[in-house]
């Protein structure tokens, strides 16, 4: 029997060797970073979905915000991180930089952009604002909603507490703990309460789980009404109270904008009233989308300080 002849190996071409060497130099993805790689400082805010603290990346020295999730629902965590990831780079949405985990406890932190000197819109609201100031703010918030909806997500908790105000007035939507993917037509969302009662759209109060991005537009309509009036549009403390008030309003009007003090509406231009009325339409099919609102003359003929940044 003859001995087997060893098969000769071909030497890789020079360009193949170069690619292989480059591949070995590239950092490999190894999952979340360790929370030990960050210094943790004071608490910046607390909510139902977690606690946010100021921090510093020991590796880069960069200041960050760290949102502690604790022992999370992994699906909800992936949803929040995924939504923030596809929205990265939008000037009116808080930026995500990384995910960090505590290997000893399983606690997870989202590593977020730190807004220096920022406070929530709720903390900065103490009086009615002029139409021009409200228009600057709403242009940014609607642009953020357009981005979120454009990438297939719904925020589901649009309210002043989830909007950060930067030192020079720029706004950033934050807290995506309730975010979810949009469902195809005819497919229902989970049958559980979501968002904040006073900013819940009528369809949510009705228990209609076939909702869509229009629930965010209702929330932004409530925010706009609050900016104009200096007061929360709805004050109900229970679902029953909120449902009864909404039912009574729907019997008398087509939009909750009519709930505002007539004097407040009198100071708003006709085209501004159109946007407010459209955002607060009781029927979700008749409610303005973010894209439609931004195309309205109230914004089309107006240049805000951040117009060049908005996408």
Protein backbone atom coordinates (compact mmCIF):
# COMPACT_ATOMS: atom_id res chain seq x y z
CA UNK A 1 0.00 0.00 0.00
CA UNK A 2 1.41 3.33 -0.94
CA UNK A 3 1.68 6.09 1.59
CA UNK A 4 -0.82 8.91 1.34
CA UNK A 5 0.58 11.96 -0.27
CA UNK A 6 0.07 14.99 1.94
CA UNK A 7 -2.06 17.68 0.32
CA UNK A 8 -0.15 20.85 -0.30
CA UNK A 9 -1.66 23.97 1.29
CA UNK A 10 -1.82 27.09 -0.74
CA UNK A 11 -0.32 30.17 0.81
CA UNK A 12 -2.97 32.88 1.23
CA UNK A 13 -2.74 35.73 -1.19
CA UNK A 14 -1.19 38.90 0.30
CA UNK A 15 -4.56 40.71 0.41
CA UNK A 16 -6.14 37.75 2.25
CA UNK A 17 -3.35 37.80 4.83
CA UNK A 18 -3.91 41.52 5.34
CA UNK A 19 -7.64 41.04 5.86
CA UNK A 20 -7.02 38.23 8.35
CA UNK A 21 -4.55 40.37 10.29
CA UNK A 22 -7.03 43.27 10.38
CA UNK A 23 -9.78 40.95 11.61
CA UNK A 24 -7.58 39.83 14.50
CA UNK A 25 -7.00 43.45 15.49
CA UNK A 26 -10.68 44.37 15.51
CA UNK A 27 -12.38 44.34 18.93
CA UNK A 28 -14.85 41.48 19.25
CA UNK A 29 -18.32 42.08 20.67
CA UNK A 30 -18.43 40.45 24.09
CA UNK A 31 -21.83 41.56 25.38
CA UNK A 32 -22.51 44.27 27.98
CA UNK A 33 -19.66 46.08 29.66
CA UNK A 34 -19.13 45.68 33.40
CA UNK A 35 -20.65 48.34 35.62
CA UNK A 36 -17.29 48.40 37.40
CA UNK A 37 -15.95 50.28 34.37
CA UNK A 38 -18.05 53.28 35.48
CA UNK A 39 -18.03 55.58 38.48
CA UNK A 40 -21.50 56.25 39.90
CA UNK A 41 -22.46 59.61 41.40
CA UNK A 42 -25.68 61.35 42.45
CA UNK A 43 -29.21 60.36 41.44
CA UNK A 44 -30.58 62.56 38.64
CA UNK A 45 -34.10 61.14 38.54
CA UNK A 46 -36.30 58.23 39.52
CA UNK A 47 -39.28 56.68 37.76
CA UNK A 48 -41.33 53.52 37.47
CA UNK A 49 -38.85 52.08 34.98
CA UNK A 50 -35.61 52.73 36.89
CA UNK A 51 -33.21 55.18 38.51
CA UNK A 52 -30.91 57.52 36.56
CA UNK A 53 -27.56 58.56 38.03
CA UNK A 54 -24.70 60.69 36.82
CA UNK A 55 -21.61 58.65 36.05
CA UNK A 56 -18.18 58.64 34.44
CA UNK A 57 -16.68 56.14 32.05
CA UNK A 58 -13.37 55.13 33.67
CA UNK A 59 -12.05 54.03 30.28
CA UNK A 60 -12.61 57.32 28.46
CA UNK A 61 -13.21 59.82 31.27
CA UNK A 62 -16.46 60.82 29.57
CA UNK A 63 -19.44 61.84 31.75
CA UNK A 64 -22.59 59.79 31.16
CA UNK A 65 -26.04 59.12 32.57
CA UNK A 66 -26.60 55.57 33.84
CA UNK A 67 -30.16 54.26 33.97
CA UNK A 68 -30.40 51.38 36.43
CA UNK A 69 -32.94 48.76 35.40
CA UNK A 70 -32.38 46.28 38.25
CA UNK A 71 -33.56 42.77 37.46
CA UNK A 72 -35.35 43.61 34.23
CA UNK A 73 -37.81 42.00 31.95
CA UNK A 74 -35.22 41.12 29.29
CA UNK A 75 -37.72 41.64 26.50
CA UNK A 76 -38.63 45.14 27.75
CA UNK A 77 -34.94 45.99 28.19
CA UNK A 78 -34.14 44.87 24.66
CA UNK A 79 -37.10 46.91 23.40
CA UNK A 80 -35.94 50.10 25.15
CA UNK A 81 -32.30 49.69 24.10
CA UNK A 82 -33.33 48.74 20.56
CA UNK A 83 -35.56 51.77 20.12
CA UNK A 84 -32.88 54.12 21.45
CA UNK A 85 -30.29 52.49 19.19
CA UNK A 86 -32.23 53.02 15.96
CA UNK A 87 -33.00 56.61 17.00
CA UNK A 88 -29.35 57.49 17.70
CA UNK A 89 -28.20 60.81 16.32
CA UNK A 90 -31.55 62.58 16.46
CA UNK A 91 -31.04 65.89 18.29
CA UNK A 92 -34.37 65.67 20.14
CA UNK A 93 -33.99 62.11 21.46
CA UNK A 94 -31.67 61.12 24.31
CA UNK A 95 -28.69 59.16 22.97
CA UNK A 96 -27.69 55.66 24.05
CA UNK A 97 -23.98 54.80 24.19
CA UNK A 98 -23.75 51.32 25.68
CA UNK A 99 -25.19 48.74 28.09
CA UNK A 100 -23.46 47.81 31.36
CA UNK A 101 -24.22 44.91 33.71
CA UNK A 102 -23.31 44.00 37.26
CA UNK A 103 -22.05 40.40 36.97
CA UNK A 104 -22.67 39.71 40.67
CA UNK A 105 -26.32 40.83 40.80
CA UNK A 106 -27.53 40.75 37.20
CA UNK A 107 -28.54 44.40 37.42
CA UNK A 108 -28.41 46.21 34.10
CA UNK A 109 -27.66 49.86 33.29
CA UNK A 110 -28.26 51.73 30.06
CA UNK A 111 -25.35 54.09 29.39
CA UNK A 112 -26.96 57.27 28.09
CA UNK A 113 -26.01 60.74 26.93
CA UNK A 114 -25.66 63.12 29.89
CA UNK A 115 -27.61 66.34 29.45
CA UNK A 116 -25.55 68.86 31.42
CA UNK A 117 -27.75 71.12 33.52
CA UNK A 118 -30.88 69.55 32.06
CA UNK A 119 -34.16 69.33 33.95
CA UNK A 120 -37.45 67.74 33.01
CA UNK A 121 -40.04 69.82 31.23
CA UNK A 122 -42.30 69.23 34.23
CA UNK A 123 -39.79 70.88 36.56
CA UNK A 124 -39.44 73.89 34.26
CA UNK A 125 -43.17 74.49 33.71
CA UNK A 126 -44.62 77.10 35.99
CA UNK A 127 -46.48 79.55 33.74
CA UNK A 128 -48.18 79.71 30.33
CA UNK A 129 -45.76 80.17 27.44
CA UNK A 130 -46.10 82.34 24.34
CA UNK A 131 -47.15 80.81 21.04
CA UNK A 132 -43.70 81.24 19.50
CA UNK A 133 -41.97 79.46 22.41
CA UNK A 134 -44.52 76.64 22.31
CA UNK A 135 -44.00 76.33 18.56
CA UNK A 136 -40.21 75.96 19.03
CA UNK A 137 -40.79 73.23 21.59
CA UNK A 138 -43.48 71.36 19.67
CA UNK A 139 -41.40 71.38 16.49
CA UNK A 140 -38.67 69.49 18.33
CA UNK A 141 -41.05 67.06 20.03
CA UNK A 142 -42.95 66.28 16.83
CA UNK A 143 -39.66 65.74 15.03
CA UNK A 144 -38.68 63.22 17.72
CA UNK A 145 -42.05 61.46 17.37
CA UNK A 146 -41.65 61.35 13.59
CA UNK A 147 -38.30 59.61 14.01
CA UNK A 148 -39.61 57.12 16.60
CA UNK A 149 -42.62 56.23 14.48
CA UNK A 150 -40.57 56.16 11.30
CA UNK A 151 -38.36 53.38 12.65
CA UNK A 152 -41.40 51.34 13.70
CA UNK A 153 -41.71 52.10 17.43
CA UNK A 154 -44.22 53.80 19.74
CA UNK A 155 -42.98 55.63 22.86
CA UNK A 156 -46.29 55.19 24.77
CA UNK A 157 -45.47 57.59 27.62
CA UNK A 158 -45.19 61.08 26.18
CA UNK A 159 -45.44 63.54 29.08
CA UNK A 160 -43.45 66.49 30.51
CA UNK A 161 -41.57 64.24 32.96
CA UNK A 162 -40.11 62.32 30.00
CA UNK A 163 -38.81 65.39 28.19
CA UNK A 164 -35.47 66.94 29.16
CA UNK A 165 -34.83 70.66 28.76
CA UNK A 166 -31.22 71.55 27.96
CA UNK A 167 -29.70 74.81 29.27
CA UNK A 168 -30.38 76.69 26.01
CA UNK A 169 -33.92 75.40 25.54
CA UNK A 170 -33.27 72.37 23.35
CA UNK A 171 -35.56 69.44 24.21
CA UNK A 172 -34.84 65.71 24.29
CA UNK A 173 -37.41 62.92 24.63
CA UNK A 174 -36.22 60.32 27.16
CA UNK A 175 -37.39 57.30 29.20
CA UNK A 176 -38.27 54.68 26.61
CA UNK A 177 -39.16 52.09 29.26
CA UNK A 178 -42.69 51.77 27.86
CA UNK A 179 -41.65 51.75 24.20
CA UNK A 180 -42.84 48.97 21.93
CA UNK A 181 -42.80 48.01 18.27
CA UNK A 182 -45.78 48.97 16.17
CA UNK A 183 -48.08 46.04 15.47
CA UNK A 184 -49.32 45.13 11.98
CA UNK A 185 -52.92 46.13 11.20
CA UNK A 186 -55.34 43.79 12.92
CA UNK A 187 -52.87 42.59 15.56
CA UNK A 188 -53.39 43.71 19.17
CA UNK A 189 -50.85 44.89 21.72
CA UNK A 190 -50.68 43.24 25.13
CA UNK A 191 -53.84 43.80 27.17
CA UNK A 192 -52.33 45.75 30.04
CA UNK A 193 -52.30 49.42 31.12
CA UNK A 194 -49.48 51.46 29.65
CA UNK A 195 -48.18 55.01 30.02
CA UNK A 196 -49.48 57.64 32.45
CA UNK A 197 -53.22 57.95 33.09
CA UNK A 198 -53.55 61.71 32.55
CA UNK A 199 -51.83 61.41 29.14
CA UNK A 200 -53.61 58.23 28.00
CA UNK A 201 -55.35 58.50 24.63
CA UNK A 202 -59.10 57.77 24.50
CA UNK A 203 -58.53 54.44 22.74
CA UNK A 204 -56.34 53.26 25.64
CA UNK A 205 -59.01 54.26 28.16
CA UNK A 206 -61.55 52.33 26.08
CA UNK A 207 -59.43 49.19 26.33
CA UNK A 208 -58.77 49.18 22.58
CA UNK A 209 -55.51 47.24 22.26
CA UNK A 210 -55.31 47.71 18.47
CA UNK A 211 -53.77 51.16 18.90
CA UNK A 212 -50.89 52.72 16.98
CA UNK A 213 -48.56 55.77 16.98
CA UNK A 214 -51.61 58.03 17.45
CA UNK A 215 -51.37 57.40 21.21
CA UNK A 216 -48.09 59.36 21.22
CA UNK A 217 -49.70 62.21 19.31
CA UNK A 218 -52.44 62.49 21.94
CA UNK A 219 -49.77 62.67 24.65
CA UNK A 220 -47.97 65.44 22.77
CA UNK A 221 -51.28 67.25 22.34
CA UNK A 222 -51.71 67.18 26.13
CA UNK A 223 -48.16 68.54 26.49
CA UNK A 224 -48.90 71.35 24.02
CA UNK A 225 -52.08 72.27 25.89
CA UNK A 226 -50.10 72.34 29.13
CA UNK A 227 -47.43 74.60 27.65
CA UNK A 228 -50.08 77.05 26.48
CA UNK A 229 -52.16 77.07 29.64
CA UNK A 230 -49.62 76.36 32.38
CA UNK A 231 -51.91 73.63 33.73
CA UNK A 232 -52.31 69.90 33.22
CA UNK A 233 -55.19 69.22 30.82
CA UNK A 234 -56.58 66.26 32.80
CA UNK A 235 -56.48 65.82 36.58
CA UNK A 236 -58.34 62.54 37.12
CA UNK A 237 -56.68 60.16 39.57
CA UNK A 238 -58.45 56.92 38.64
CA UNK A 239 -59.21 55.16 35.38
CA UNK A 240 -62.94 55.44 36.09
CA UNK A 241 -62.76 59.22 36.63
CA UNK A 242 -60.68 59.67 33.49
CA UNK A 243 -63.01 57.48 31.42
CA UNK A 244 -66.10 59.35 32.62
CA UNK A 245 -64.58 62.76 31.88
CA UNK A 246 -63.43 61.63 28.42
CA UNK A 247 -66.87 60.22 27.63
CA UNK A 248 -68.55 63.45 28.68
CA UNK A 249 -66.20 65.52 26.52
CA UNK A 250 -66.71 63.27 23.48
CA UNK A 251 -70.44 63.82 23.72
CA UNK A 252 -69.91 67.57 23.29
CA UNK A 253 -66.86 68.01 21.04
CA UNK A 254 -64.58 66.27 18.54
CA UNK A 255 -61.31 67.40 20.13
CA UNK A 256 -60.16 67.81 23.73
CA UNK A 257 -58.68 71.17 22.71
CA UNK A 258 -62.14 72.54 23.52
CA UNK A 259 -61.44 71.75 27.18
CA UNK A 260 -58.95 74.62 27.37
CA UNK A 261 -59.97 78.00 28.72
CA UNK A 262 -61.34 80.09 25.79
CA UNK A 263 -59.01 82.93 26.82
CA UNK A 264 -56.03 80.63 26.34
CA UNK A 265 -57.22 79.64 22.87
CA UNK A 266 -57.92 83.28 22.02
CA UNK A 267 -54.19 84.02 22.33
CA UNK A 268 -53.37 81.21 19.89
CA UNK A 269 -53.35 81.84 16.13
CA UNK A 270 -55.83 80.00 13.93
CA UNK A 271 -53.13 77.77 12.44
CA UNK A 272 -51.81 77.02 15.92
CA UNK A 273 -55.31 76.03 17.05
CA UNK A 274 -55.54 73.69 14.05
CA UNK A 275 -52.44 71.77 15.20
CA UNK A 276 -53.62 71.58 18.81
CA UNK A 277 -57.10 70.45 17.76
CA UNK A 278 -55.63 67.87 15.40
CA UNK A 279 -53.35 66.39 18.05
CA UNK A 280 -56.20 66.13 20.54
CA UNK A 281 -58.81 64.66 18.16
CA UNK A 282 -60.74 61.96 20.01
CA UNK A 283 -60.83 59.71 16.95
CA UNK A 284 -57.30 58.28 16.38
CA UNK A 285 -57.89 58.04 12.61
CA UNK A 286 -58.51 61.81 12.51
CA UNK A 287 -55.59 62.70 14.79
CA UNK A 288 -52.62 64.40 13.14
CA UNK A 289 -49.52 62.28 12.61
CA UNK A 290 -46.13 63.77 13.45
CA UNK A 291 -45.28 64.09 9.76
CA UNK A 292 -48.60 65.80 8.97
CA UNK A 293 -48.22 68.24 11.85
CA UNK A 294 -44.69 69.23 10.81
CA UNK A 295 -45.91 69.91 7.27
CA UNK A 296 -48.56 72.32 8.57
CA UNK A 297 -48.03 76.05 7.89
CA UNK A 298 -47.67 76.67 11.64
CA UNK A 299 -44.23 75.06 11.29
CA UNK A 300 -43.50 75.36 7.56
CA UNK A 301 -43.20 79.14 7.72
CA UNK A 302 -41.33 79.20 11.04
CA UNK A 303 -37.59 78.88 11.68
CA UNK A 304 -36.64 77.67 15.15
CA UNK A 305 -33.10 77.88 16.57
CA UNK A 306 -32.73 74.12 15.92
CA UNK A 307 -34.36 73.91 12.50
CA UNK A 308 -31.05 72.90 10.88
CA UNK A 309 -30.71 69.97 13.30
CA UNK A 310 -34.19 68.49 12.94
CA UNK A 311 -34.74 65.47 10.70
